N, C-alpha and C. Protein backbone atom coordinates (compact mmCIF):
# COMPACT_ATOMS: atom_id res chain seq x y z
N THR A 1 104.70 77.11 116.96
CA THR A 1 104.83 77.67 118.30
C THR A 1 103.37 78.49 118.35
N ARG A 2 103.09 78.60 119.66
CA ARG A 2 101.83 79.55 119.98
C ARG A 2 102.19 80.53 121.20
N VAL A 3 101.81 81.65 120.99
CA VAL A 3 102.11 82.78 122.19
C VAL A 3 100.83 82.78 122.98
N VAL A 4 101.15 82.70 124.37
CA VAL A 4 99.95 82.77 125.39
C VAL A 4 100.11 83.90 126.12
N VAL A 5 98.96 84.65 126.13
CA VAL A 5 98.95 85.93 127.13
C VAL A 5 97.88 85.64 128.17
N THR A 6 98.20 85.70 129.36
CA THR A 6 97.18 85.59 130.34
C THR A 6 96.18 86.60 130.58
N ALA A 7 96.45 87.81 130.22
CA ALA A 7 95.38 88.91 130.34
C ALA A 7 95.46 89.81 129.04
N GLU A 8 94.54 89.97 128.20
CA GLU A 8 94.51 90.98 127.21
C GLU A 8 94.18 92.32 127.44
N ILE A 9 93.38 92.49 128.64
CA ILE A 9 92.79 93.77 129.00
C ILE A 9 93.41 93.92 130.59
N LEU A 10 94.06 95.03 130.70
CA LEU A 10 94.61 95.35 132.06
C LEU A 10 94.03 96.58 132.52
N PRO A 11 93.63 96.82 133.78
CA PRO A 11 93.35 98.04 134.40
C PRO A 11 94.62 98.99 134.70
N PRO A 12 94.68 100.14 134.27
CA PRO A 12 95.76 100.92 134.44
C PRO A 12 96.05 101.50 135.94
N ASP A 13 96.38 100.56 136.81
CA ASP A 13 96.45 100.72 138.21
C ASP A 13 97.93 100.68 138.79
N GLY A 14 98.88 100.26 137.92
CA GLY A 14 100.20 100.42 138.40
C GLY A 14 100.57 99.06 139.01
N VAL A 15 99.71 98.10 139.05
CA VAL A 15 99.95 96.83 139.74
C VAL A 15 99.64 95.48 138.87
N SER A 16 98.64 95.66 138.13
CA SER A 16 98.16 94.52 137.27
C SER A 16 99.25 94.16 136.36
N THR A 17 99.35 92.78 136.01
CA THR A 17 100.46 92.16 135.27
C THR A 17 99.91 91.02 134.37
N ALA A 18 100.37 91.09 133.21
CA ALA A 18 100.07 90.06 132.06
C ALA A 18 101.29 89.31 131.90
N VAL A 19 101.31 88.00 131.78
CA VAL A 19 102.30 87.07 131.56
C VAL A 19 102.33 86.57 130.09
N ILE A 20 103.41 86.58 129.36
CA ILE A 20 103.45 86.08 128.01
C ILE A 20 104.42 84.99 128.06
N THR A 21 104.07 83.78 127.51
CA THR A 21 104.92 82.56 127.31
C THR A 21 104.64 82.18 125.92
N VAL A 22 105.71 81.23 125.53
CA VAL A 22 105.59 80.66 124.21
C VAL A 22 105.48 79.17 124.40
N ARG A 23 104.41 78.55 123.77
CA ARG A 23 104.31 77.01 123.84
C ARG A 23 104.64 76.40 122.53
N ARG A 24 105.41 75.34 122.63
CA ARG A 24 105.73 74.61 121.50
C ARG A 24 104.66 73.62 121.07
N MET A 25 104.30 73.43 119.71
CA MET A 25 103.33 72.62 119.34
C MET A 25 103.90 71.56 118.45
N ASN A 26 103.25 70.26 118.68
CA ASN A 26 103.75 69.28 117.78
C ASN A 26 103.00 69.11 116.45
N ARG A 27 103.26 68.16 115.71
CA ARG A 27 102.60 68.21 114.29
C ARG A 27 101.07 67.90 114.39
N LEU A 28 100.59 67.36 115.51
CA LEU A 28 99.20 67.08 115.61
C LEU A 28 98.45 68.39 116.28
N GLY A 29 99.11 69.37 116.46
CA GLY A 29 98.49 70.55 117.14
C GLY A 29 98.31 70.78 118.58
N PHE A 30 99.05 69.75 119.30
CA PHE A 30 98.94 69.57 120.70
C PHE A 30 100.23 70.27 121.36
N GLU A 31 100.09 70.84 122.49
CA GLU A 31 101.26 71.43 123.26
C GLU A 31 102.22 70.32 123.53
N VAL A 32 103.57 70.53 123.35
CA VAL A 32 104.53 69.62 123.95
C VAL A 32 104.93 69.93 125.39
N PRO A 33 104.59 68.91 126.18
CA PRO A 33 104.69 69.13 127.57
C PRO A 33 106.28 69.26 128.10
N PHE A 34 106.42 69.90 129.11
CA PHE A 34 107.76 70.27 129.74
C PHE A 34 108.75 70.96 128.82
N GLN A 35 108.32 71.66 127.89
CA GLN A 35 109.08 72.43 126.96
C GLN A 35 108.97 73.93 127.26
N LYS A 36 110.13 74.47 127.38
CA LYS A 36 110.17 76.06 127.67
C LYS A 36 110.93 76.70 126.55
N THR A 37 110.49 77.63 126.05
CA THR A 37 111.12 78.49 124.89
C THR A 37 111.47 79.81 125.26
N ARG A 38 112.68 80.12 125.02
CA ARG A 38 113.09 81.56 125.30
C ARG A 38 112.42 82.54 124.30
N LEU A 39 112.13 83.74 124.80
CA LEU A 39 111.43 84.65 124.04
C LEU A 39 111.97 85.99 124.10
N GLU A 40 111.72 86.80 123.07
CA GLU A 40 112.15 88.25 123.17
C GLU A 40 111.01 89.01 122.75
N CYS A 41 110.77 90.24 123.34
CA CYS A 41 109.60 91.19 123.05
C CYS A 41 110.24 92.57 122.56
N GLU A 42 109.66 92.92 121.46
CA GLU A 42 109.76 94.33 120.89
C GLU A 42 108.57 95.16 121.05
N PHE A 43 108.70 96.42 121.42
CA PHE A 43 107.58 97.25 121.38
C PHE A 43 107.25 97.94 119.93
N LEU A 44 106.04 97.81 119.47
CA LEU A 44 105.63 98.48 118.36
C LEU A 44 104.83 99.49 118.67
N GLN A 45 104.19 99.64 119.88
CA GLN A 45 103.41 100.93 120.22
C GLN A 45 103.14 100.84 121.66
N GLY A 46 103.24 101.89 122.34
CA GLY A 46 102.77 101.94 123.87
C GLY A 46 103.88 101.59 124.74
N ALA A 47 105.03 101.68 124.31
CA ALA A 47 106.26 101.32 125.38
C ALA A 47 106.20 102.15 126.64
N HIS A 48 105.75 103.39 126.53
CA HIS A 48 105.64 104.40 127.71
C HIS A 48 104.56 104.00 128.66
N LEU A 49 103.68 103.16 128.34
CA LEU A 49 102.56 102.70 129.08
C LEU A 49 102.78 101.63 130.16
N VAL A 50 103.73 100.79 129.83
CA VAL A 50 104.00 99.57 130.75
C VAL A 50 105.45 99.38 130.96
N GLU A 51 105.64 98.43 131.93
CA GLU A 51 107.10 97.99 132.11
C GLU A 51 107.19 96.57 131.66
N LEU A 52 108.34 96.23 131.00
CA LEU A 52 108.66 94.93 130.56
C LEU A 52 109.74 94.22 131.40
N ASP A 53 109.38 93.16 131.82
CA ASP A 53 110.40 92.38 132.51
C ASP A 53 110.53 90.84 132.18
N TYR A 54 111.58 90.15 132.39
CA TYR A 54 111.58 88.75 132.03
C TYR A 54 112.00 87.78 133.38
N ASN A 55 111.70 86.61 133.35
CA ASN A 55 112.06 85.77 134.45
C ASN A 55 113.54 85.54 134.10
N GLN A 56 114.26 84.71 135.08
CA GLN A 56 115.54 84.42 134.97
C GLN A 56 116.08 83.76 133.61
N ASP A 57 115.34 82.70 133.28
CA ASP A 57 115.77 82.09 132.04
C ASP A 57 115.11 82.57 130.74
N GLN A 58 114.43 83.62 130.86
CA GLN A 58 113.72 84.38 129.77
C GLN A 58 112.78 83.62 128.95
N THR A 59 112.02 82.78 129.71
CA THR A 59 110.93 82.01 129.19
C THR A 59 109.66 82.70 129.26
N GLU A 60 109.55 83.57 130.15
CA GLU A 60 108.28 84.23 130.48
C GLU A 60 108.62 85.85 130.44
N ALA A 61 107.70 86.66 129.94
CA ALA A 61 107.78 88.01 129.83
C ALA A 61 106.61 88.61 130.71
N TYR A 62 107.05 89.61 131.57
CA TYR A 62 105.89 90.21 132.41
C TYR A 62 105.70 91.62 131.99
N ILE A 63 104.41 91.91 131.69
CA ILE A 63 103.99 93.27 131.34
C ILE A 63 103.18 93.85 132.57
N LYS A 64 103.84 94.78 133.13
CA LYS A 64 103.14 95.56 134.26
C LYS A 64 102.51 96.76 133.89
N ALA A 65 101.23 96.95 134.14
CA ALA A 65 100.56 98.09 133.74
C ALA A 65 101.02 99.48 134.36
N GLY A 66 101.03 100.55 133.67
CA GLY A 66 101.24 101.79 134.33
C GLY A 66 99.97 102.48 134.69
N PHE A 67 99.88 103.85 134.74
CA PHE A 67 98.72 104.53 135.28
C PHE A 67 98.03 105.22 134.01
N ARG A 68 98.37 104.98 132.91
CA ARG A 68 97.72 105.60 131.81
C ARG A 68 96.87 104.62 130.95
N GLU A 69 95.89 104.96 130.20
CA GLU A 69 95.11 104.03 129.35
C GLU A 69 95.72 104.15 127.95
N GLY A 70 95.70 103.11 127.17
CA GLY A 70 96.22 103.10 125.81
C GLY A 70 96.22 101.65 125.35
N ILE A 71 96.92 101.51 124.20
CA ILE A 71 97.06 100.18 123.49
C ILE A 71 98.59 99.87 123.50
N VAL A 72 98.89 98.60 123.86
CA VAL A 72 100.35 98.25 123.89
C VAL A 72 100.40 97.13 122.80
N GLU A 73 101.21 97.28 121.86
CA GLU A 73 101.40 96.29 120.91
C GLU A 73 102.89 95.82 120.88
N LEU A 74 103.04 94.51 120.90
CA LEU A 74 104.38 93.81 121.06
C LEU A 74 104.66 92.87 120.06
N ARG A 75 105.87 92.64 119.59
CA ARG A 75 106.19 91.67 118.71
C ARG A 75 106.91 90.60 119.54
N VAL A 76 106.42 89.46 119.65
CA VAL A 76 107.13 88.30 120.39
C VAL A 76 107.85 87.47 119.40
N ILE A 77 109.09 87.30 119.81
CA ILE A 77 110.00 86.53 118.95
C ILE A 77 110.49 85.28 119.65
N PRO A 78 109.91 84.17 119.43
CA PRO A 78 110.41 82.85 120.19
C PRO A 78 111.90 82.49 119.57
N ALA A 79 112.73 81.95 120.40
CA ALA A 79 113.88 81.42 119.96
C ALA A 79 113.90 80.41 118.98
N ALA A 80 112.89 79.50 119.16
CA ALA A 80 112.68 78.26 118.38
C ALA A 80 112.08 78.57 117.12
N SER A 81 111.70 79.60 116.84
CA SER A 81 110.83 79.86 115.57
C SER A 81 111.39 81.07 114.84
N MET A 82 111.29 81.24 113.59
CA MET A 82 111.81 82.27 112.78
C MET A 82 110.57 83.43 112.69
N LEU A 83 109.50 83.00 112.86
CA LEU A 83 108.38 83.93 112.70
C LEU A 83 107.85 84.57 113.99
N PRO A 84 107.95 85.93 114.11
CA PRO A 84 107.50 86.65 115.19
C PRO A 84 106.02 86.58 115.27
N GLN A 85 105.38 86.91 116.33
CA GLN A 85 103.88 86.85 116.52
C GLN A 85 103.57 88.21 117.18
N SER A 86 102.45 88.92 116.85
CA SER A 86 102.04 90.10 117.33
C SER A 86 101.09 89.91 118.56
N VAL A 87 101.25 90.64 119.65
CA VAL A 87 100.48 90.73 120.87
C VAL A 87 99.83 92.10 121.13
N THR A 88 98.55 92.20 121.38
CA THR A 88 97.97 93.46 121.72
C THR A 88 97.41 93.47 123.17
N ILE A 89 97.75 94.37 123.98
CA ILE A 89 97.29 94.37 125.39
C ILE A 89 96.65 95.72 125.46
N TYR A 90 95.38 95.76 126.09
CA TYR A 90 94.57 97.01 126.21
C TYR A 90 94.82 97.46 127.60
N LEU A 91 95.08 98.74 127.94
CA LEU A 91 95.01 99.22 129.19
C LEU A 91 93.79 100.13 129.30
N GLN A 92 92.71 99.70 129.96
CA GLN A 92 91.57 100.51 130.19
C GLN A 92 90.89 100.28 131.45
N SER A 93 90.19 101.20 131.92
CA SER A 93 89.59 101.15 133.17
C SER A 93 88.31 100.36 132.99
N PRO A 94 87.88 99.68 134.18
CA PRO A 94 86.83 98.81 134.13
C PRO A 94 85.50 99.86 134.00
N ARG A 95 84.48 99.34 133.14
CA ARG A 95 83.35 100.09 132.82
C ARG A 95 82.16 99.56 133.78
N ALA A 96 81.48 100.34 134.36
CA ALA A 96 80.24 100.00 134.94
C ALA A 96 79.14 99.50 134.28
């Protein structure tokens, strides 16, 4: 399995969102089409910086940025795999 994050750096504007999904891989290393895997996320750091929400069938996690800068670390636990994977999302303002 492979964890996919749409954005690893989010501005702390209270609106920006990153989507976390889990993709199943076959033995050749290619994604298995039309497969959705349930997932669960646990905060390791920075739970107070973001809001965590799931879609209806819990195959996508939505991380909505708060208004403070910092680092958010998550442990993503796919239902189809026994090995959790770590995800890091940075909340920082754009630099000029």
